[in-house]
PDB file of N, CA and C in Angstrom:
ATOM      1  N   UNK A   1    -161.209  22.572   4.915  1.00  0.00           N
ATOM      2  CA  UNK A   1    -162.195  21.012   4.741  1.00  0.00           C
ATOM      3  C   UNK A   1    -163.566  21.248   4.196  1.00  0.00           C
ATOM      4  N   UNK A   2    -164.128  22.577   4.605  1.00  0.00           N
ATOM      5  CA  UNK A   2    -165.366  22.700   4.388  1.00  0.00           C
ATOM      6  C   UNK A   2    -165.470  24.208   3.904  1.00  0.00           C
ATOM      7  N   UNK A   3    -166.810  24.451   3.378  1.00  0.00           N
ATOM      8  CA  UNK A   3    -167.160  25.983   2.850  1.00  0.00           C
ATOM      9  C   UNK A   3    -168.192  26.625   3.666  1.00  0.00           C
ATOM     10  N   UNK A   4    -167.935  27.339   4.372  1.00  0.00           N
ATOM     11  CA  UNK A   4    -169.146  27.715   5.422  1.00  0.00           C
ATOM     12  C   UNK A   4    -170.348  28.467   4.355  1.00  0.00           C
ATOM     13  N   UNK A   5    -171.472  28.485   4.787  1.00  0.00           N
ATOM     14  CA  UNK A   5    -172.486  28.927   4.665  1.00  0.00           C
ATOM     15  C   UNK A   5    -173.458  29.410   5.793  1.00  0.00           C
ATOM     16  N   UNK A   6    -174.314  30.435   5.411  1.00  0.00           N
ATOM     17  CA  UNK A   6    -175.064  31.054   6.379  1.00  0.00           C
ATOM     18  C   UNK A   6    -175.866  29.887   6.410  1.00  0.00           C
ATOM     19  N   UNK A   7    -176.624  29.944   8.179  1.00  0.00           N
ATOM     20  CA  UNK A   7    -177.698  28.890   8.391  1.00  0.00           C
ATOM     21  C   UNK A   7    -178.814  28.657   7.530  1.00  0.00           C
ATOM     22  N   UNK A   8    -179.305  30.014   6.966  1.00  0.00           N
ATOM     23  CA  UNK A   8    -180.492  29.958   6.018  1.00  0.00           C
ATOM     24  C   UNK A   8    -180.098  29.488   4.835  1.00  0.00           C
ATOM     25  N   UNK A   9    -178.846  29.473   4.197  1.00  0.00           N
ATOM     26  CA  UNK A   9    -178.098  29.066   3.049  1.00  0.00           C
ATOM     27  C   UNK A   9    -178.725  30.329   1.742  1.00  0.00           C
ATOM     28  N   UNK A  10    -179.015  31.570   2.229  1.00  0.00           N
ATOM     29  CA  UNK A  10    -179.147  32.543   1.749  1.00  0.00           C
ATOM     30  C   UNK A  10    -178.151  33.144   0.762  1.00  0.00           C
ATOM     31  N   UNK A  11    -176.710  32.557   0.977  1.00  0.00           N
ATOM     32  CA  UNK A  11    -175.611  32.960   0.275  1.00  0.00           C
ATOM     33  C   UNK A  11    -174.941  31.730  -0.702  1.00  0.00           C
ATOM     34  N   UNK A  12    -176.202  30.784  -0.864  1.00  0.00           N
ATOM     35  CA  UNK A  12    -175.462  29.610  -1.607  1.00  0.00           C
ATOM     36  C   UNK A  12    -175.288  29.554  -2.842  1.00  0.00           C
ATOM     37  N   UNK A  13    -175.989  30.438  -3.372  1.00  0.00           N
ATOM     38  CA  UNK A  13    -175.809  30.952  -4.997  1.00  0.00           C
ATOM     39  C   UNK A  13    -174.632  31.532  -5.046  1.00  0.00           C
ATOM     40  N   UNK A  14    -174.313  32.292  -4.216  1.00  0.00           N
ATOM     41  CA  UNK A  14    -173.321  33.296  -4.287  1.00  0.00           C
ATOM     42  C   UNK A  14    -171.909  32.360  -4.205  1.00  0.00           C
ATOM     43  N   UNK A  15    -172.055  31.521  -3.344  1.00  0.00           N
ATOM     44  CA  UNK A  15    -170.710  30.529  -2.954  1.00  0.00           C
ATOM     45  C   UNK A  15    -170.624  29.685  -4.259  1.00  0.00           C
ATOM     46  N   UNK A  16    -171.440  29.181  -4.782  1.00  0.00           N
ATOM     47  CA  UNK A  16    -171.450  28.230  -6.165  1.00  0.00           C
ATOM     48  C   UNK A  16    -171.100  28.866  -6.902  1.00  0.00           C
ATOM     49  N   UNK A  17    -171.450  30.111  -7.270  1.00  0.00           N
ATOM     50  CA  UNK A  17    -170.601  30.809  -8.460  1.00  0.00           C
ATOM     51  C   UNK A  17    -169.243  31.016  -8.220  1.00  0.00           C
ATOM     52  N   UNK A  18    -168.990  31.366  -6.974  1.00  0.00           N
ATOM     53  CA  UNK A  18    -167.474  31.548  -6.923  1.00  0.00           C
ATOM     54  C   UNK A  18    -166.785  30.463  -7.147  1.00  0.00           C
ATOM     55  N   UNK A  19    -167.107  29.168  -6.382  1.00  0.00           N
ATOM     56  CA  UNK A  19    -166.345  27.995  -6.940  1.00  0.00           C
ATOM     57  C   UNK A  19    -166.436  27.517  -7.805  1.00  0.00           C
ATOM     58  N   UNK A  20    -167.520  27.869  -8.975  1.00  0.00           N
ATOM     59  CA  UNK A  20    -167.347  27.352 -10.543  1.00  0.00           C
ATOM     60  C   UNK A  20    -166.371  28.380 -11.089  1.00  0.00           C
ATOM     61  N   UNK A  21    -166.155  29.255 -10.487  1.00  0.00           N
ATOM     62  CA  UNK A  21    -165.295  30.404 -10.931  1.00  0.00           C
ATOM     63  C   UNK A  21    -163.860  29.940 -10.744  1.00  0.00           C
ATOM     64  N   UNK A  22    -163.452  29.379  -9.740  1.00  0.00           N
ATOM     65  CA  UNK A  22    -162.329  28.981  -9.172  1.00  0.00           C
ATOM     66  C   UNK A  22    -162.272  27.227  -8.569  1.00  0.00           C
ATOM     67  N   UNK A  23    -162.241  26.643  -9.815  1.00  0.00           N
ATOM     68  CA  UNK A  23    -162.156  25.348  -9.898  1.00  0.00           C
ATOM     69  C   UNK A  23    -160.920  24.612  -8.940  1.00  0.00           C
ATOM     70  N   UNK A  24    -159.827  25.495  -9.048  1.00  0.00           N
ATOM     71  CA  UNK A  24    -158.414  25.043  -8.506  1.00  0.00           C
ATOM     72  C   UNK A  24    -158.653  24.729  -6.840  1.00  0.00           C
ATOM     73  N   UNK A  25    -159.197  26.256  -6.593  1.00  0.00           N
ATOM     74  CA  UNK A  25    -159.575  26.165  -4.990  1.00  0.00           C
ATOM     75  C   UNK A  25    -160.476  25.266  -4.466  1.00  0.00           C
ATOM     76  N   UNK A  26    -161.592  25.124  -5.451  1.00  0.00           N
ATOM     77  CA  UNK A  26    -162.895  24.076  -5.002  1.00  0.00           C
ATOM     78  C   UNK A  26    -162.080  22.791  -5.005  1.00  0.00           C
ATOM     79  N   UNK A  27    -161.386  22.190  -5.892  1.00  0.00           N
ATOM     80  CA  UNK A  27    -160.642  20.979  -6.112  1.00  0.00           C
ATOM     81  C   UNK A  27    -159.947  20.904  -4.894  1.00  0.00           C
ATOM     82  N   UNK A  28    -159.232  21.742  -4.281  1.00  0.00           N
ATOM     83  CA  UNK A  28    -158.144  21.710  -3.375  1.00  0.00           C
ATOM     84  C   UNK A  28    -158.838  21.261  -2.012  1.00  0.00           C
ATOM     85  N   UNK A  29    -160.060  21.776  -1.971  1.00  0.00           N
ATOM     86  CA  UNK A  29    -161.056  21.669  -0.606  1.00  0.00           C
ATOM     87  C   UNK A  29    -161.536  20.245  -0.851  1.00  0.00           C
ATOM     88  N   UNK A  30    -162.174  19.838  -1.749  1.00  0.00           N
ATOM     89  CA  UNK A  30    -162.473  18.582  -1.925  1.00  0.00           C
ATOM     90  C   UNK A  30    -161.382  17.554  -1.743  1.00  0.00           C
ATOM     91  N   UNK A  31    -160.204  17.527  -2.166  1.00  0.00           N
ATOM     92  CA  UNK A  31    -159.122  16.877  -1.757  1.00  0.00           C
ATOM     93  C   UNK A  31    -158.964  16.546  -0.154  1.00  0.00           C
ATOM     94  N   UNK A  32    -158.630  17.610   0.223  1.00  0.00           N
ATOM     95  CA  UNK A  32    -158.497  18.037   1.436  1.00  0.00           C
ATOM     96  C   UNK A  32    -159.338  17.223   2.499  1.00  0.00           C
ATOM     97  N   UNK A  33    -160.401  17.417   2.136  1.00  0.00           N
ATOM     98  CA  UNK A  33    -161.863  16.820   2.964  1.00  0.00           C
ATOM     99  C   UNK A  33    -161.750  15.349   2.657  1.00  0.00           C
ATOM    100  N   UNK A  34    -161.396  15.010   1.621  1.00  0.00           N
ATOM    101  CA  UNK A  34    -161.373  13.413   1.151  1.00  0.00           C
ATOM    102  C   UNK A  34    -160.219  12.827   1.988  1.00  0.00           C
ATOM    103  N   UNK A  35    -159.145  13.530   1.950  1.00  0.00           N
ATOM    104  CA  UNK A  35    -157.779  12.910   2.736  1.00  0.00           C
ATOM    105  C   UNK A  35    -158.073  13.121   4.530  1.00  0.00           C
ATOM    106  N   UNK A  36    -158.579  14.006   4.848  1.00  0.00           N
ATOM    107  CA  UNK A  36    -158.889  14.151   5.785  1.00  0.00           C
ATOM    108  C   UNK A  36    -159.971  12.963   6.720  1.00  0.00           C
ATOM    109  N   UNK A  37    -161.053  12.694   5.669  1.00  0.00           N
ATOM    110  CA  UNK A  37    -161.936  11.538   6.195  1.00  0.00           C
ATOM    111  C   UNK A  37    -161.296  10.438   6.304  1.00  0.00           C
ATOM    112  N   UNK A  38    -160.493  10.241   4.752  1.00  0.00           N
ATOM    113  CA  UNK A  38    -159.825   8.589   4.846  1.00  0.00           C
ATOM    114  C   UNK A  38    -158.714   8.422   5.906  1.00  0.00           C
ATOM    115  N   UNK A  39    -157.997   9.613   6.432  1.00  0.00           N
ATOM    116  CA  UNK A  39    -156.972   9.162   7.195  1.00  0.00           C
ATOM    117  C   UNK A  39    -157.565   9.445   8.921  1.00  0.00           C
ATOM    118  N   UNK A  40    -158.490   9.690   9.112  1.00  0.00           N
ATOM    119  CA  UNK A  40    -159.212   9.810   9.989  1.00  0.00           C
ATOM    120  C   UNK A  40    -160.005   8.614  10.490  1.00  0.00           C
ATOM    121  N   UNK A  41    -160.977   8.600   9.644  1.00  0.00           N
ATOM    122  CA  UNK A  41    -162.161   7.491   9.989  1.00  0.00           C
ATOM    123  C   UNK A  41    -162.163   6.227   8.864  1.00  0.00           C
ATOM    124  N   UNK A  42    -161.177   5.991   8.123  1.00  0.00           N
ATOM    125  CA  UNK A  42    -161.134   4.805   7.490  1.00  0.00           C
ATOM    126  C   UNK A  42    -159.991   3.992   7.914  1.00  0.00           C
ATOM    127  N   UNK A  43    -159.359   4.062   8.822  1.00  0.00           N
ATOM    128  CA  UNK A  43    -158.148   3.456   9.053  1.00  0.00           C
ATOM    129  C   UNK A  43    -158.492   2.015   9.536  1.00  0.00           C
ATOM    130  N   UNK A  44    -157.680   0.953   9.823  1.00  0.00           N
ATOM    131  CA  UNK A  44    -158.274  -0.197  10.321  1.00  0.00           C
ATOM    132  C   UNK A  44    -159.067  -0.017  11.805  1.00  0.00           C
ATOM    133  N   UNK A  45    -158.030   0.632  12.466  1.00  0.00           N
ATOM    134  CA  UNK A  45    -158.412   1.071  14.089  1.00  0.00           C
ATOM    135  C   UNK A  45    -159.633   1.800  14.302  1.00  0.00           C
ATOM    136  N   UNK A  46    -160.065   2.583  13.311  1.00  0.00           N
ATOM    137  CA  UNK A  46    -161.260   3.354  13.202  1.00  0.00           C
ATOM    138  C   UNK A  46    -162.318   2.641  13.079  1.00  0.00           C
ATOM    139  N   UNK A  47    -162.093   1.671  11.788  1.00  0.00           N
ATOM    140  CA  UNK A  47    -162.976   0.801  11.456  1.00  0.00           C
ATOM    141  C   UNK A  47    -163.475  -0.360  12.818  1.00  0.00           C
ATOM    142  N   UNK A  48    -162.461  -0.735  13.223  1.00  0.00           N
ATOM    143  CA  UNK A  48    -162.631  -1.632  14.235  1.00  0.00           C
ATOM    144  C   UNK A  48    -163.452  -1.231  15.569  1.00  0.00           C
ATOM    145  N   UNK A  49    -163.509   0.080  15.917  1.00  0.00           N
ATOM    146  CA  UNK A  49    -163.811   0.927  16.966  1.00  0.00           C
ATOM    147  C   UNK A  49    -165.282   1.110  16.338  1.00  0.00           C
ATOM    148  N   UNK A  50    -165.676   1.185  15.184  1.00  0.00           N
ATOM    149  CA  UNK A  50    -166.862   1.533  14.973  1.00  0.00           C
ATOM    150  C   UNK A  50    -167.557   0.344  14.816  1.00  0.00           C
ATOM    151  N   UNK A  51    -166.879  -1.099  14.507  1.00  0.00           N
ATOM    152  CA  UNK A  51    -167.896  -1.875  14.445  1.00  0.00           C
ATOM    153  C   UNK A  51    -168.435  -2.739  15.994  1.00  0.00           C
ATOM    154  N   UNK A  52    -166.903  -2.499  16.699  1.00  0.00           N
ATOM    155  CA  UNK A  52    -167.060  -2.929  18.486  1.00  0.00           C
ATOM    156  C   UNK A  52    -168.426  -2.085  18.714  1.00  0.00           C
ATOM    157  N   UNK A  53    -168.379  -0.582  18.394  1.00  0.00           N
ATOM    158  CA  UNK A  53    -169.417   0.019  19.164  1.00  0.00           C
ATOM    159  C   UNK A  53    -170.943  -0.520  18.527  1.00  0.00           C
ATOM    160  N   UNK A  54    -170.626  -0.811  17.145  1.00  0.00           N
ATOM    161  CA  UNK A  54    -171.888  -1.368  16.436  1.00  0.00           C
ATOM    162  C   UNK A  54    -172.630  -2.474  17.436  1.00  0.00           C
ATOM    163  N   UNK A  55    -171.856  -3.710  17.273  1.00  0.00           N
ATOM    164  CA  UNK A  55    -171.837  -4.427  18.423  1.00  0.00           C
ATOM    165  C   UNK A  55    -172.373  -4.592  19.389  1.00  0.00           C
ATOM    166  N   UNK A  56    -171.778  -3.648  20.386  1.00  0.00           N
ATOM    167  CA  UNK A  56    -172.210  -3.198  21.648  1.00  0.00           C
ATOM    168  C   UNK A  56    -173.645  -2.573  21.614  1.00  0.00           C
ATOM    169  N   UNK A  57    -173.729  -1.773  20.806  1.00  0.00           N
ATOM    170  CA  UNK A  57    -175.220  -0.895  20.727  1.00  0.00           C
ATOM    171  C   UNK A  57    -176.186  -2.173  20.050  1.00  0.00           C
ATOM    172  N   UNK A  58    -175.923  -2.968  19.382  1.00  0.00           N
ATOM    173  CA  UNK A  58    -176.862  -3.983  19.200  1.00  0.00           C
ATOM    174  C   UNK A  58    -177.510  -4.909  20.198  1.00  0.00           C
ATOM    175  N   UNK A  59    -176.076  -5.453  20.773  1.00  0.00           N
ATOM    176  CA  UNK A  59    -176.353  -6.191  21.975  1.00  0.00           C
ATOM    177  C   UNK A  59    -177.496  -5.451  23.197  1.00  0.00           C
ATOM    178  N   UNK A  60    -177.459  -4.048  23.054  1.00  0.00           N
ATOM    179  CA  UNK A  60    -178.222  -3.418  24.177  1.00  0.00           C
ATOM    180  C   UNK A  60    -179.704  -4.040  24.130  1.00  0.00           C
ATOM    181  N   UNK A  61    -180.394  -3.995  22.685  1.00  0.00           N
ATOM    182  CA  UNK A  61    -181.377  -4.426  22.148  1.00  0.00           C
ATOM    183  C   UNK A  61    -182.169  -5.881  22.154  1.00  0.00           C
ATOM    184  N   UNK A  62    -180.806  -6.740  22.484  1.00  0.00           N
ATOM    185  CA  UNK A  62    -181.205  -8.216  22.228  1.00  0.00           C
ATOM    186  C   UNK A  62    -181.972  -8.444  23.497  1.00  0.00           C
ATOM    187  N   UNK A  63    -182.786  -9.975  23.540  1.00  0.00           N
ATOM    188  CA  UNK A  63    -183.514 -10.439  24.331  1.00  0.00           C
ATOM    189  C   UNK A  63    -183.102 -11.326  25.386  1.00  0.00           C
ATOM    190  N   UNK A  64    -181.527 -11.447  25.297  1.00  0.00           N
ATOM    191  CA  UNK A  64    -181.113 -12.379  26.125  1.00  0.00           C
ATOM    192  C   UNK A  64    -179.661 -11.901  26.329  1.00  0.00           C
ATOM    193  N   UNK A  65    -179.028 -12.459  27.237  1.00  0.00           N
ATOM    194  CA  UNK A  65    -177.416 -12.092  27.989  1.00  0.00           C
ATOM    195  C   UNK A  65    -176.496 -13.061  27.468  1.00  0.00           C
ATOM    196  N   UNK A  66    -175.503 -12.666  26.651  1.00  0.00           N
ATOM    197  CA  UNK A  66    -174.878 -13.408  26.176  1.00  0.00           C
ATOM    198  C   UNK A  66    -173.565 -13.995  27.346  1.00  0.00           C
ATOM    199  N   UNK A  67    -173.406 -15.186  27.215  1.00  0.00           N
ATOM    200  CA  UNK A  67    -172.604 -15.726  28.104  1.00  0.00           C
ATOM    201  C   UNK A  67    -171.100 -15.722  27.802  1.00  0.00           C
ATOM    202  N   UNK A  68    -170.339 -14.878  28.369  1.00  0.00           N
ATOM    203  CA  UNK A  68    -168.846 -14.508  28.006  1.00  0.00           C
ATOM    204  C   UNK A  68    -168.052 -15.928  28.237  1.00  0.00           C
ATOM    205  N   UNK A  69    -168.156 -16.853  29.739  1.00  0.00           N
ATOM    206  CA  UNK A  69    -167.371 -17.812  30.252  1.00  0.00           C
ATOM    207  C   UNK A  69    -168.381 -19.187  30.174  1.00  0.00           C
ATOM    208  N   UNK A  70    -167.670 -20.175  29.707  1.00  0.00           N
ATOM    209  CA  UNK A  70    -168.460 -21.586  30.121  1.00  0.00           C
ATOM    210  C   UNK A  70    -167.980 -22.240  30.962  1.00  0.00           C
ATOM    211  N   UNK A  71    -168.408 -22.960  31.770  1.00  0.00           N
ATOM    212  CA  UNK A  71    -167.937 -23.919  32.685  1.00  0.00           C
ATOM    213  C   UNK A  71    -167.214 -25.175  32.007  1.00  0.00           C
ATOM    214  N   UNK A  72    -166.006 -25.578  32.231  1.00  0.00           N
ATOM    215  CA  UNK A  72    -165.726 -26.782  32.094  1.00  0.00           C
ATOM    216  C   UNK A  72    -165.146 -27.735  33.083  1.00  0.00           C
ATOM    217  N   UNK A  73    -165.024 -29.091  33.075  1.00  0.00           N
ATOM    218  CA  UNK A  73    -165.048 -29.967  33.994  1.00  0.00           C
ATOM    219  C   UNK A  73    -163.277 -30.290  33.454  1.00  0.00           C
ATOM    220  N   UNK A  74    -162.225 -30.051  34.412  1.00  0.00           N
ATOM    221  CA  UNK A  74    -161.027 -30.759  34.309  1.00  0.00           C
ATOM    222  C   UNK A  74    -161.062 -32.199  34.477  1.00  0.00           C
ATOM    223  N   UNK A  75    -159.895 -32.686  33.772  1.00  0.00           N
ATOM    224  CA  UNK A  75    -159.449 -34.400  34.283  1.00  0.00           C
ATOM    225  C   UNK A  75    -159.667 -34.674  35.619  1.00  0.00           C
ATOM    226  N   UNK A  76    -159.296 -33.473  36.403  1.00  0.00           N
ATOM    227  CA  UNK A  76    -159.132 -33.987  37.909  1.00  0.00           C
ATOM    228  C   UNK A  76    -160.415 -33.864  38.465  1.00  0.00           C
ATOM    229  N   UNK A  77    -161.374 -33.464  37.765  1.00  0.00           N
ATOM    230  CA  UNK A  77    -162.698 -33.465  38.395  1.00  0.00           C
ATOM    231  C   UNK A  77    -163.340 -31.760  38.904  1.00  0.00           C
ATOM    232  N   UNK A  78    -162.163 -30.943  38.916  1.00  0.00           N
ATOM    233  CA  UNK A  78    -162.592 -29.624  39.209  1.00  0.00           C
ATOM    234  C   UNK A  78    -163.158 -28.860  38.319  1.00  0.00           C
ATOM    235  N   UNK A  79    -163.766 -27.929  38.375  1.00  0.00           N
ATOM    236  CA  UNK A  79    -164.866 -26.924  37.363  1.00  0.00           C
ATOM    237  C   UNK A  79    -163.865 -25.648  37.284  1.00  0.00           C
ATOM    238  N   UNK A  80    -163.870 -25.510  36.143  1.00  0.00           N
ATOM    239  CA  UNK A  80    -163.147 -24.126  35.629  1.00  0.00           C
ATOM    240  C   UNK A  80    -163.997 -23.278  34.897  1.00  0.00           C
ATOM    241  N   UNK A  81    -163.734 -22.117  34.731  1.00  0.00           N
ATOM    242  CA  UNK A  81    -164.459 -21.290  33.449  1.00  0.00           C
ATOM    243  C   UNK A  81    -163.384 -20.935  32.489  1.00  0.00           C
ATOM    244  N   UNK A  82    -163.761 -21.047  30.897  1.00  0.00           N
ATOM    245  CA  UNK A  82    -163.040 -21.049  29.907  1.00  0.00           C
ATOM    246  C   UNK A  82    -163.887 -19.758  29.281  1.00  0.00           C
ATOM    247  N   UNK A  83    -163.404 -18.693  28.700  1.00  0.00           N
ATOM    248  CA  UNK A  83    -163.821 -17.916  27.594  1.00  0.00           C
ATOM    249  C   UNK A  83    -164.346 -18.554  26.569  1.00  0.00           C
ATOM    250  N   UNK A  84    -165.598 -18.028  26.098  1.00  0.00           N
ATOM    251  CA  UNK A  84    -166.047 -18.618  24.926  1.00  0.00           C
ATOM    252  C   UNK A  84    -165.498 -17.808  23.592  1.00  0.00           C
ATOM    253  N   UNK A  85    -165.499 -18.180  22.391  1.00  0.00           N
ATOM    254  CA  UNK A  85    -165.010 -17.542  21.430  1.00  0.00           C
ATOM    255  C   UNK A  85    -163.830 -17.023  21.368  1.00  0.00           C
ATOM    256  N   UNK A  86    -163.664 -15.823  20.892  1.00  0.00           N
ATOM    257  CA  UNK A  86    -162.121 -14.868  21.041  1.00  0.00           C
ATOM    258  C   UNK A  86    -162.707 -13.550  20.974  1.00  0.00           C
ATOM    259  N   UNK A  87    -161.583 -12.730  21.188  1.00  0.00           N
ATOM    260  CA  UNK A  87    -162.090 -11.372  21.275  1.00  0.00           C
ATOM    261  C   UNK A  87    -162.140 -10.762  20.262  1.00  0.00           C
ATOM    262  N   UNK A  88    -162.988  -9.429  20.240  1.00  0.00           N
ATOM    263  CA  UNK A  88    -162.882  -8.640  18.746  1.00  0.00           C
ATOM    264  C   UNK A  88    -161.816  -8.305  17.997  1.00  0.00           C
ATOM    265  N   UNK A  89    -160.865  -8.249  18.677  1.00  0.00           N
ATOM    266  CA  UNK A  89    -159.216  -7.780  18.015  1.00  0.00           C
ATOM    267  C   UNK A  89    -158.900  -9.043  17.627  1.00  0.00           C
ATOM    268  N   UNK A  90    -159.043 -10.054  18.275  1.00  0.00           N
ATOM    269  CA  UNK A  90    -158.343 -11.341  17.669  1.00  0.00           C
ATOM    270  C   UNK A  90    -159.192 -11.935  16.587  1.00  0.00           C
ATOM    271  N   UNK A  91    -160.659 -11.552  16.437  1.00  0.00           N
ATOM    272  CA  UNK A  91    -161.358 -12.091  15.213  1.00  0.00           C
ATOM    273  C   UNK A  91    -161.065 -10.986  14.446  1.00  0.00           C
ATOM    274  N   UNK A  92    -160.996  -9.626  14.525  1.00  0.00           N
ATOM    275  CA  UNK A  92    -160.921  -8.589  13.482  1.00  0.00           C
ATOM    276  C   UNK A  92    -160.011  -8.835  12.506  1.00  0.00           C
ATOM    277  N   UNK A  93    -158.593  -8.886  13.526  1.00  0.00           N
ATOM    278  CA  UNK A  93    -157.481  -8.877  12.795  1.00  0.00           C
ATOM    279  C   UNK A  93    -156.849  -9.830  12.743  1.00  0.00           C
ATOM    280  N   UNK A  94    -157.336 -11.323  12.415  1.00  0.00           N
ATOM    281  CA  UNK A  94    -156.741 -12.427  12.044  1.00  0.00           C
ATOM    282  C   UNK A  94    -156.372 -12.598  10.432  1.00  0.00           C
ATOM    283  N   UNK A  95    -155.436 -13.577  10.281  1.00  0.00           N
ATOM    284  CA  UNK A  95    -155.155 -13.384   9.090  1.00  0.00           C
ATOM    285  C   UNK A  95    -156.166 -14.095   7.942  1.00  0.00           C
ATOM    286  N   UNK A  96    -156.588 -13.455   6.811  1.00  0.00           N
ATOM    287  CA  UNK A  96    -157.682 -14.072   5.989  1.00  0.00           C
ATOM    288  C   UNK A  96    -157.079 -15.525   5.660  1.00  0.00           C
ATOM    289  N   UNK A  97    -157.942 -16.395   5.459  1.00  0.00           N
ATOM    290  CA  UNK A  97    -158.074 -17.724   5.516  1.00  0.00           C
ATOM    291  C   UNK A  97    -157.539 -17.675   3.765  1.00  0.00           C
ATOM    292  N   UNK A  98    -156.602 -18.824   3.455  1.00  0.00           N
ATOM    293  CA  UNK A  98    -156.586 -19.028   2.154  1.00  0.00           C
ATOM    294  C   UNK A  98    -157.557 -19.762   1.419  1.00  0.00           C
ATOM    295  N   UNK A  99    -157.857 -19.050   0.266  1.00  0.00           N
ATOM    296  CA  UNK A  99    -158.918 -19.800  -0.642  1.00  0.00           C
ATOM    297  C   UNK A  99    -158.631 -20.166  -1.952  1.00  0.00           C
ATOM    298  N   UNK A 100    -158.776 -21.382  -2.418  1.00  0.00           N
ATOM    299  CA  UNK A 100    -158.250 -22.115  -3.387  1.00  0.00           C
ATOM    300  C   UNK A 100    -159.370 -22.878  -4.124  1.00  0.00           C
ATOM    301  N   UNK A 101    -159.432 -22.324  -5.188  1.00  0.00           N
ATOM    302  CA  UNK A 101    -160.747 -22.861  -6.131  1.00  0.00           C
ATOM    303  C   UNK A 101    -160.445 -24.217  -6.558  1.00  0.00           C
ATOM    304  N   UNK A 102    -161.614 -24.934  -6.002  1.00  0.00           N
ATOM    305  CA  UNK A 102    -161.511 -26.347  -6.250  1.00  0.00           C
ATOM    306  C   UNK A 102    -161.892 -26.414  -7.767  1.00  0.00           C
ATOM    307  N   UNK A 103    -161.299 -27.866  -7.852  1.00  0.00           N
ATOM    308  CA  UNK A 103    -161.121 -28.146  -9.325  1.00  0.00           C
ATOM    309  C   UNK A 103    -162.639 -28.871  -9.833  1.00  0.00           C
ATOM    310  N   UNK A 104    -163.203 -28.876 -10.629  1.00  0.00           N
ATOM    311  CA  UNK A 104    -164.623 -29.304 -11.213  1.00  0.00           C
ATOM    312  C   UNK A 104    -164.156 -30.604 -11.711  1.00  0.00           C
ATOM    313  N   UNK A 105    -165.169 -31.498 -12.186  1.00  0.00           N
ATOM    314  CA  UNK A 105    -165.271 -32.586 -12.770  1.00  0.00           C
ATOM    315  C   UNK A 105    -164.447 -32.909 -14.082  1.00  0.00           C
ATOM    316  N   UNK A 106    -164.362 -33.957 -14.531  1.00  0.00           N
ATOM    317  CA  UNK A 106    -163.528 -33.946 -15.955  1.00  0.00           C
ATOM    318  C   UNK A 106    -164.642 -33.318 -16.870  1.00  0.00           C
ATOM    319  N   UNK A 107    -163.967 -32.370 -17.780  1.00  0.00           N
ATOM    320  CA  UNK A 107    -164.650 -31.722 -18.915  1.00  0.00           C
ATOM    321  C   UNK A 107    -165.587 -30.728 -18.386  1.00  0.00           C
ATOM    322  N   UNK A 108    -165.470 -30.437 -17.445  1.00  0.00           N
ATOM    323  CA  UNK A 108    -166.433 -29.298 -16.461  1.00  0.00           C
ATOM    324  C   UNK A 108    -165.803 -28.062 -17.148  1.00  0.00           C
ATOM    325  N   UNK A 109    -164.523 -27.687 -17.265  1.00  0.00           N
ATOM    326  CA  UNK A 109    -163.747 -26.375 -17.752  1.00  0.00           C
ATOM    327  C   UNK A 109    -163.707 -26.271 -19.167  1.00  0.00           C
ATOM    328  N   UNK A 110    -164.262 -25.167 -19.650  1.00  0.00           N
ATOM    329  CA  UNK A 110    -163.979 -25.063 -21.019  1.00  0.00           C
ATOM    330  C   UNK A 110    -162.470 -25.350 -21.823  1.00  0.00           C
ATOM    331  N   UNK A 111    -162.389 -26.269 -23.000  1.00  0.00           N
ATOM    332  CA  UNK A 111    -161.173 -26.190 -23.614  1.00  0.00           C
ATOM    333  C   UNK A 111    -161.209 -26.232 -25.132  1.00  0.00           C
ATOM    334  N   UNK A 112    -160.518 -25.215 -25.185  1.00  0.00           N
ATOM    335  CA  UNK A 112    -160.399 -24.830 -26.711  1.00  0.00           C
ATOM    336  C   UNK A 112    -160.319 -25.870 -27.931  1.00  0.00           C
ATOM    337  N   UNK A 113    -159.515 -26.842 -27.613  1.00  0.00           N
ATOM    338  CA  UNK A 113    -159.250 -27.856 -28.499  1.00  0.00           C
ATOM    339  C   UNK A 113    -160.631 -28.630 -28.498  1.00  0.00           C
ATOM    340  N   UNK A 114    -161.466 -28.610 -27.920  1.00  0.00           N
ATOM    341  CA  UNK A 114    -162.877 -29.325 -28.091  1.00  0.00           C
ATOM    342  C   UNK A 114    -163.838 -28.332 -29.088  1.00  0.00           C
ATOM    343  N   UNK A 115    -163.209 -27.132 -29.533  1.00  0.00           N
ATOM    344  CA  UNK A 115    -164.324 -26.443 -30.279  1.00  0.00           C
ATOM    345  C   UNK A 115    -163.793 -26.433 -31.562  1.00  0.00           C
ATOM    346  N   UNK A 116    -164.396 -26.473 -32.522  1.00  0.00           N
ATOM    347  CA  UNK A 116    -164.319 -26.417 -34.277  1.00  0.00           C
ATOM    348  C   UNK A 116    -164.257 -24.704 -34.309  1.00  0.00           C
ATOM    349  N   UNK A 117    -163.235 -24.233 -34.691  1.00  0.00           N
ATOM    350  CA  UNK A 117    -163.167 -22.761 -34.641  1.00  0.00           C
ATOM    351  C   UNK A 117    -163.754 -22.186 -36.376  1.00  0.00           C
ATOM    352  N   UNK A 118    -163.700 -23.622 -36.967  1.00  0.00           N
ATOM    353  CA  UNK A 118    -163.458 -23.067 -38.571  1.00  0.00           C
ATOM    354  C   UNK A 118    -164.995 -22.956 -39.219  1.00  0.00           C
ATOM    355  N   UNK A 119    -166.064 -23.346 -38.455  1.00  0.00           N
ATOM    356  CA  UNK A 119    -167.422 -23.365 -38.892  1.00  0.00           C
ATOM    357  C   UNK A 119    -167.946 -21.981 -38.617  1.00  0.00           C
TER     358      UNK A 119
END
């Protein structure tokens, strides 16, 4: 998945010359590296893990403490705690909302029968 080089890069010119002459091998290495990266780091689970970690790390530098639960009063007067919002997994993997393009006012969209193409 990679081409080893010396720590001081002193053999870089030699390596480049070799792979410029052996394009098939260079392409195989590049394709394998791309496949490994894609299959390991760009899966939905890996992306969710990355974003969850990013949010947790971002939360560490905030100057407030988020409240996971809120108190609600039941019909019988008892107080219970209810979770605020939704879990990250439920948020990240929800079905996308349907999006319909709204219609414009009458005459808004171009109609070819309103144009004289003869001129």
